[in-house]
Amino acid sequence: MISLNSMSRTCSLCGKTSIVRVSRKKKMSKYNPTCKKRKYPNLQWVVLNNGKRVKACTKCIKKIAKTK
């Protein structure tokens, strides 16, 4: 079963989803443990040529603009 929360945060054109990012903070000569952060793609509502409204990442929006 697919949750609605994860479906709303994916690009409907390329399928790009979130990633987990870990930042490493250095103090003196050692790395301190830091928490993991989830980064989400920059999704925008776009109207396609066929009239459908979909969520697409900005990279896909730029590709659509070039092909028009």
PDB file of N, CA and C in Angstrom:
ATOM      1  N   MET A   1       0.834  -1.179   0.000  1.00  0.00           N
ATOM      2  CA  MET A   1       0.000   0.000   0.000  1.00  0.00           C
ATOM      3  C   MET A   1       0.880   1.246   0.000  1.00  0.00           C
ATOM      4  N   ILE A   2       0.579   2.203  -0.864  1.00  0.00           N
ATOM      5  CA  ILE A   2       1.360   3.426  -0.984  1.00  0.00           C
ATOM      6  C   ILE A   2       0.684   4.520  -0.167  1.00  0.00           C
ATOM      7  N   SER A   3       1.472   5.187   0.678  1.00  0.00           N
ATOM      8  CA  SER A   3       0.893   6.263   1.482  1.00  0.00           C
ATOM      9  C   SER A   3       0.768   7.530   0.647  1.00  0.00           C
ATOM     10  N   LEU A   4      -0.236   8.326   0.943  1.00  0.00           N
ATOM     11  CA  LEU A   4      -0.469   9.550   0.188  1.00  0.00           C
ATOM     12  C   LEU A   4       0.616  10.580   0.428  1.00  0.00           C
ATOM     13  N   ASN A   5       1.224  10.566   1.605  1.00  0.00           N
ATOM     14  CA  ASN A   5       2.252  11.537   1.923  1.00  0.00           C
ATOM     15  C   ASN A   5       3.470  11.366   1.024  1.00  0.00           C
ATOM     16  N   SER A   6       3.876  10.126   0.770  1.00  0.00           N
ATOM     17  CA  SER A   6       5.038   9.904  -0.081  1.00  0.00           C
ATOM     18  C   SER A   6       4.705  10.139  -1.551  1.00  0.00           C
ATOM     19  N   MET A   7       3.451   9.875  -1.935  1.00  0.00           N
ATOM     20  CA  MET A   7       3.065  10.094  -3.325  1.00  0.00           C
ATOM     21  C   MET A   7       3.048  11.579  -3.669  1.00  0.00           C
ATOM     22  N   SER A   8       2.717  12.418  -2.706  1.00  0.00           N
ATOM     23  CA  SER A   8       2.635  13.838  -2.995  1.00  0.00           C
ATOM     24  C   SER A   8       4.013  14.480  -3.091  1.00  0.00           C
ATOM     25  N   ARG A   9       5.041  13.783  -2.664  1.00  0.00           N
ATOM     26  CA  ARG A   9       6.388  14.338  -2.691  1.00  0.00           C
ATOM     27  C   ARG A   9       7.266  13.666  -3.729  1.00  0.00           C
ATOM     28  N   THR A  10       6.680  13.155  -4.787  1.00  0.00           N
ATOM     29  CA  THR A  10       7.443  12.570  -5.881  1.00  0.00           C
ATOM     30  C   THR A  10       7.087  13.286  -7.170  1.00  0.00           C
ATOM     31  N   CYS A  11       8.053  13.401  -8.045  1.00  0.00           N
ATOM     32  CA  CYS A  11       7.823  14.008  -9.354  1.00  0.00           C
ATOM     33  C   CYS A  11       7.078  12.997 -10.209  1.00  0.00           C
ATOM     34  N   SER A  12       5.971  13.423 -10.811  1.00  0.00           N
ATOM     35  CA  SER A  12       5.172  12.485 -11.600  1.00  0.00           C
ATOM     36  C   SER A  12       5.788  12.221 -12.969  1.00  0.00           C
ATOM     37  N   LEU A  13       6.758  13.019 -13.399  1.00  0.00           N
ATOM     38  CA  LEU A  13       7.382  12.814 -14.708  1.00  0.00           C
ATOM     39  C   LEU A  13       8.626  11.929 -14.625  1.00  0.00           C
ATOM     40  N   CYS A  14       9.538  12.235 -13.704  1.00  0.00           N
ATOM     41  CA  CYS A  14      10.784  11.457 -13.632  1.00  0.00           C
ATOM     42  C   CYS A  14      10.832  10.522 -12.430  1.00  0.00           C
ATOM     43  N   GLY A  15       9.937  10.706 -11.442  1.00  0.00           N
ATOM     44  CA  GLY A  15       9.918   9.825 -10.278  1.00  0.00           C
ATOM     45  C   GLY A  15      10.911  10.188  -9.196  1.00  0.00           C
ATOM     46  N   LYS A  16      11.441  11.407  -9.226  1.00  0.00           N
ATOM     47  CA  LYS A  16      12.405  11.838  -8.217  1.00  0.00           C
ATOM     48  C   LYS A  16      11.724  11.918  -6.852  1.00  0.00           C
ATOM     49  N   THR A  17      12.386  11.356  -5.818  1.00  0.00           N
ATOM     50  CA  THR A  17      11.832  11.358  -4.466  1.00  0.00           C
ATOM     51  C   THR A  17      12.843  11.975  -3.508  1.00  0.00           C
ATOM     52  N   SER A  18      12.573  11.861  -2.231  1.00  0.00           N
ATOM     53  CA  SER A  18      13.439  12.461  -1.221  1.00  0.00           C
ATOM     54  C   SER A  18      14.711  11.642  -1.034  1.00  0.00           C
ATOM     55  N   ILE A  19      15.727  12.297  -0.463  1.00  0.00           N
ATOM     56  CA  ILE A  19      16.978  11.628  -0.125  1.00  0.00           C
ATOM     57  C   ILE A  19      17.307  11.942   1.329  1.00  0.00           C
ATOM     58  N   VAL A  20      18.121  11.090   1.949  1.00  0.00           N
ATOM     59  CA  VAL A  20      18.574  11.323   3.316  1.00  0.00           C
ATOM     60  C   VAL A  20      19.998  11.847   3.238  1.00  0.00           C
ATOM     61  N   ARG A  21      20.218  12.992   3.868  1.00  0.00           N
ATOM     62  CA  ARG A  21      21.514  13.645   3.815  1.00  0.00           C
ATOM     63  C   ARG A  21      22.093  13.687   5.218  1.00  0.00           C
ATOM     64  N   VAL A  22      23.389  13.436   5.335  1.00  0.00           N
ATOM     65  CA  VAL A  22      24.070  13.487   6.623  1.00  0.00           C
ATOM     66  C   VAL A  22      25.161  14.537   6.523  1.00  0.00           C
ATOM     67  N   SER A  23      25.137  15.507   7.441  1.00  0.00           N
ATOM     68  CA  SER A  23      26.201  16.511   7.461  1.00  0.00           C
ATOM     69  C   SER A  23      27.197  16.132   8.545  1.00  0.00           C
ATOM     70  N   ARG A  24      28.472  16.326   8.238  1.00  0.00           N
ATOM     71  CA  ARG A  24      29.517  15.986   9.201  1.00  0.00           C
ATOM     72  C   ARG A  24      30.120  17.275   9.731  1.00  0.00           C
ATOM     73  N   LYS A  25      30.004  17.503  11.028  1.00  0.00           N
ATOM     74  CA  LYS A  25      30.550  18.697  11.666  1.00  0.00           C
ATOM     75  C   LYS A  25      31.896  18.348  12.289  1.00  0.00           C
ATOM     76  N   LYS A  26      32.908  19.108  11.918  1.00  0.00           N
ATOM     77  CA  LYS A  26      34.239  18.840  12.442  1.00  0.00           C
ATOM     78  C   LYS A  26      34.577  19.846  13.538  1.00  0.00           C
ATOM     79  N   LYS A  27      35.034  19.312  14.661  1.00  0.00           N
ATOM     80  CA  LYS A  27      35.481  20.161  15.757  1.00  0.00           C
ATOM     81  C   LYS A  27      36.829  19.634  16.206  1.00  0.00           C
ATOM     82  N   MET A  28      37.809  20.500  16.175  1.00  0.00           N
ATOM     83  CA  MET A  28      39.194  20.126  16.455  1.00  0.00           C
ATOM     84  C   MET A  28      39.616  19.072  15.419  1.00  0.00           C
ATOM     85  N   SER A  29      39.943  17.883  15.838  1.00  0.00           N
ATOM     86  CA  SER A  29      40.375  16.865  14.881  1.00  0.00           C
ATOM     87  C   SER A  29      39.368  15.734  14.754  1.00  0.00           C
ATOM     88  N   LYS A  30      38.193  15.877  15.383  1.00  0.00           N
ATOM     89  CA  LYS A  30      37.202  14.796  15.383  1.00  0.00           C
ATOM     90  C   LYS A  30      35.902  15.269  14.752  1.00  0.00           C
ATOM     91  N   TYR A  31      35.158  14.308  14.227  1.00  0.00           N
ATOM     92  CA  TYR A  31      33.844  14.597  13.660  1.00  0.00           C
ATOM     93  C   TYR A  31      32.774  14.312  14.703  1.00  0.00           C
ATOM     94  N   ASN A  32      31.914  15.280  14.948  1.00  0.00           N
ATOM     95  CA  ASN A  32      30.831  15.090  15.908  1.00  0.00           C
ATOM     96  C   ASN A  32      29.656  14.408  15.228  1.00  0.00           C
ATOM     97  N   PRO A  33      28.951  13.563  15.944  1.00  0.00           N
ATOM     98  CA  PRO A  33      27.776  12.929  15.342  1.00  0.00           C
ATOM     99  C   PRO A  33      26.674  13.963  15.102  1.00  0.00           C
ATOM    100  N   THR A  34      26.047  13.888  13.963  1.00  0.00           N
ATOM    101  CA  THR A  34      24.954  14.802  13.632  1.00  0.00           C
ATOM    102  C   THR A  34      23.764  13.986  13.162  1.00  0.00           C
ATOM    103  N   CYS A  35      22.611  14.621  13.169  1.00  0.00           N
ATOM    104  CA  CYS A  35      21.402  13.901  12.785  1.00  0.00           C
ATOM    105  C   CYS A  35      21.263  13.871  11.268  1.00  0.00           C
ATOM    106  N   LYS A  36      20.479  12.928  10.800  1.00  0.00           N
ATOM    107  CA  LYS A  36      20.200  12.801   9.376  1.00  0.00           C
ATOM    108  C   LYS A  36      19.044  13.722   9.022  1.00  0.00           C
ATOM    109  N   LYS A  37      19.134  14.367   7.873  1.00  0.00           N
ATOM    110  CA  LYS A  37      18.064  15.250   7.412  1.00  0.00           C
ATOM    111  C   LYS A  37      17.528  14.719   6.100  1.00  0.00           C
ATOM    112  N   ARG A  38      16.230  14.799   5.929  1.00  0.00           N
ATOM    113  CA  ARG A  38      15.600  14.359   4.685  1.00  0.00           C
ATOM    114  C   ARG A  38      15.390  15.569   3.794  1.00  0.00           C
ATOM    115  N   LYS A  39      15.899  15.495   2.568  1.00  0.00           N
ATOM    116  CA  LYS A  39      15.767  16.581   1.603  1.00  0.00           C
ATOM    117  C   LYS A  39      14.751  16.181   0.552  1.00  0.00           C
ATOM    118  N   TYR A  40      13.833  17.091   0.262  1.00  0.00           N
ATOM    119  CA  TYR A  40      12.773  16.833  -0.705  1.00  0.00           C
ATOM    120  C   TYR A  40      13.027  17.616  -1.987  1.00  0.00           C
ATOM    121  N   PRO A  41      12.580  17.090  -3.127  1.00  0.00           N
ATOM    122  CA  PRO A  41      12.766  17.817  -4.387  1.00  0.00           C
ATOM    123  C   PRO A  41      11.863  19.044  -4.456  1.00  0.00           C
ATOM    124  N   ASN A  42      12.255  20.007  -5.275  1.00  0.00           N
ATOM    125  CA  ASN A  42      11.485  21.236  -5.457  1.00  0.00           C
ATOM    126  C   ASN A  42      10.362  20.948  -6.448  1.00  0.00           C
ATOM    127  N   LEU A  43       9.177  20.635  -5.925  1.00  0.00           N
ATOM    128  CA  LEU A  43       8.036  20.263  -6.763  1.00  0.00           C
ATOM    129  C   LEU A  43       7.103  21.443  -6.955  1.00  0.00           C
ATOM    130  N   GLN A  44       6.618  21.603  -8.177  1.00  0.00           N
ATOM    131  CA  GLN A  44       5.687  22.672  -8.531  1.00  0.00           C
ATOM    132  C   GLN A  44       4.542  22.068  -9.329  1.00  0.00           C
ATOM    133  N   TRP A  45       3.374  22.719  -9.261  1.00  0.00           N
ATOM    134  CA  TRP A  45       2.248  22.293 -10.088  1.00  0.00           C
ATOM    135  C   TRP A  45       2.463  22.803 -11.505  1.00  0.00           C
ATOM    136  N   VAL A  46       2.261  21.911 -12.501  1.00  0.00           N
ATOM    137  CA  VAL A  46       2.456  22.258 -13.909  1.00  0.00           C
ATOM    138  C   VAL A  46       1.283  21.728 -14.708  1.00  0.00           C
ATOM    139  N   VAL A  47       0.848  22.509 -15.701  1.00  0.00           N
ATOM    140  CA  VAL A  47      -0.197  22.055 -16.615  1.00  0.00           C
ATOM    141  C   VAL A  47       0.493  21.527 -17.871  1.00  0.00           C
ATOM    142  N   LEU A  48       0.252  20.263 -18.204  1.00  0.00           N
ATOM    143  CA  LEU A  48       0.860  19.649 -19.380  1.00  0.00           C
ATOM    144  C   LEU A  48       0.088  20.020 -20.640  1.00  0.00           C
ATOM    145  N   ASN A  49       0.606  19.601 -21.802  1.00  0.00           N
ATOM    146  CA  ASN A  49      -0.032  19.910 -23.087  1.00  0.00           C
ATOM    147  C   ASN A  49      -1.424  19.305 -23.200  1.00  0.00           C
ATOM    148  N   ASN A  50      -1.643  18.151 -22.568  1.00  0.00           N
ATOM    149  CA  ASN A  50      -2.952  17.501 -22.655  1.00  0.00           C
ATOM    150  C   ASN A  50      -3.958  18.068 -21.653  1.00  0.00           C
ATOM    151  N   GLY A  51      -3.560  19.066 -20.841  1.00  0.00           N
ATOM    152  CA  GLY A  51      -4.473  19.719 -19.914  1.00  0.00           C
ATOM    153  C   GLY A  51      -4.446  19.180 -18.497  1.00  0.00           C
ATOM    154  N   LYS A  52      -3.644  18.140 -18.232  1.00  0.00           N
ATOM    155  CA  LYS A  52      -3.569  17.575 -16.883  1.00  0.00           C
ATOM    156  C   LYS A  52      -2.660  18.426 -16.004  1.00  0.00           C
ATOM    157  N   ARG A  53      -3.034  18.529 -14.717  1.00  0.00           N
ATOM    158  CA  ARG A  53      -2.222  19.210 -13.722  1.00  0.00           C
ATOM    159  C   ARG A  53      -1.448  18.175 -12.930  1.00  0.00           C
ATOM    160  N   VAL A  54      -0.117  18.266 -12.926  1.00  0.00           N
ATOM    161  CA  VAL A  54       0.716  17.300 -12.214  1.00  0.00           C
ATOM    162  C   VAL A  54       1.781  18.047 -11.425  1.00  0.00           C
ATOM    163  N   LYS A  55       2.351  17.343 -10.437  1.00  0.00           N
ATOM    164  CA  LYS A  55       3.486  17.887  -9.703  1.00  0.00           C
ATOM    165  C   LYS A  55       4.760  17.422 -10.391  1.00  0.00           C
ATOM    166  N   ALA A  56       5.619  18.392 -10.737  1.00  0.00           N
ATOM    167  CA  ALA A  56       6.870  18.065 -11.416  1.00  0.00           C
ATOM    168  C   ALA A  56       8.007  18.815 -10.743  1.00  0.00           C
ATOM    169  N   CYS A  57       9.199  18.213 -10.768  1.00  0.00           N
ATOM    170  CA  CYS A  57      10.364  18.891 -10.209  1.00  0.00           C
ATOM    171  C   CYS A  57      10.809  19.985 -11.185  1.00  0.00           C
ATOM    172  N   THR A  58      11.581  20.930 -10.688  1.00  0.00           N
ATOM    173  CA  THR A  58      11.960  22.072 -11.513  1.00  0.00           C
ATOM    174  C   THR A  58      12.861  21.662 -12.677  1.00  0.00           C
ATOM    175  N   LYS A  59      13.600  20.581 -12.521  1.00  0.00           N
ATOM    176  CA  LYS A  59      14.438  20.094 -13.618  1.00  0.00           C
ATOM    177  C   LYS A  59      13.573  19.641 -14.793  1.00  0.00           C
ATOM    178  N   CYS A  60      12.476  18.949 -14.491  1.00  0.00           N
ATOM    179  CA  CYS A  60      11.554  18.504 -15.541  1.00  0.00           C
ATOM    180  C   CYS A  60      10.818  19.685 -16.166  1.00  0.00           C
ATOM    181  N   ILE A  61      10.507  20.701 -15.365  1.00  0.00           N
ATOM    182  CA  ILE A  61       9.829  21.887 -15.891  1.00  0.00           C
ATOM    183  C   ILE A  61      10.721  22.592 -16.906  1.00  0.00           C
ATOM    184  N   LYS A  62      12.021  22.659 -16.620  1.00  0.00           N
ATOM    185  CA  LYS A  62      12.961  23.275 -17.563  1.00  0.00           C
ATOM    186  C   LYS A  62      13.044  22.473 -18.853  1.00  0.00           C
ATOM    187  N   LYS A  63      13.009  21.132 -18.745  1.00  0.00           N
ATOM    188  CA  LYS A  63      13.040  20.287 -19.943  1.00  0.00           C
ATOM    189  C   LYS A  63      11.792  20.489 -20.783  1.00  0.00           C
ATOM    190  N   ILE A  64      10.631  20.628 -20.130  1.00  0.00           N
ATOM    191  CA  ILE A  64       9.374  20.849 -20.850  1.00  0.00           C
ATOM    192  C   ILE A  64       9.422  22.189 -21.579  1.00  0.00           C
ATOM    193  N   ALA A  65       9.971  23.215 -20.929  1.00  0.00           N
ATOM    194  CA  ALA A  65      10.046  24.546 -21.532  1.00  0.00           C
ATOM    195  C   ALA A  65      10.956  24.550 -22.758  1.00  0.00           C
ATOM    196  N   LYS A  66      12.015  23.743 -22.744  1.00  0.00           N
ATOM    197  CA  LYS A  66      12.931  23.686 -23.891  1.00  0.00           C
ATOM    198  C   LYS A  66      12.293  23.002 -25.091  1.00  0.00           C
ATOM    199  N   THR A  67      11.453  21.999 -24.851  1.00  0.00           N
ATOM    200  CA  THR A  67      10.865  21.247 -25.960  1.00  0.00           C
ATOM    201  C   THR A  67       9.700  21.973 -26.606  1.00  0.00           C
ATOM    202  N   LYS A  68       9.094  22.950 -25.921  1.00  0.00           N
ATOM    203  CA  LYS A  68       7.933  23.655 -26.487  1.00  0.00           C
ATOM    204  C   LYS A  68       8.304  24.533 -27.644  1.00  0.00           C
TER     205      LYS A  68
END
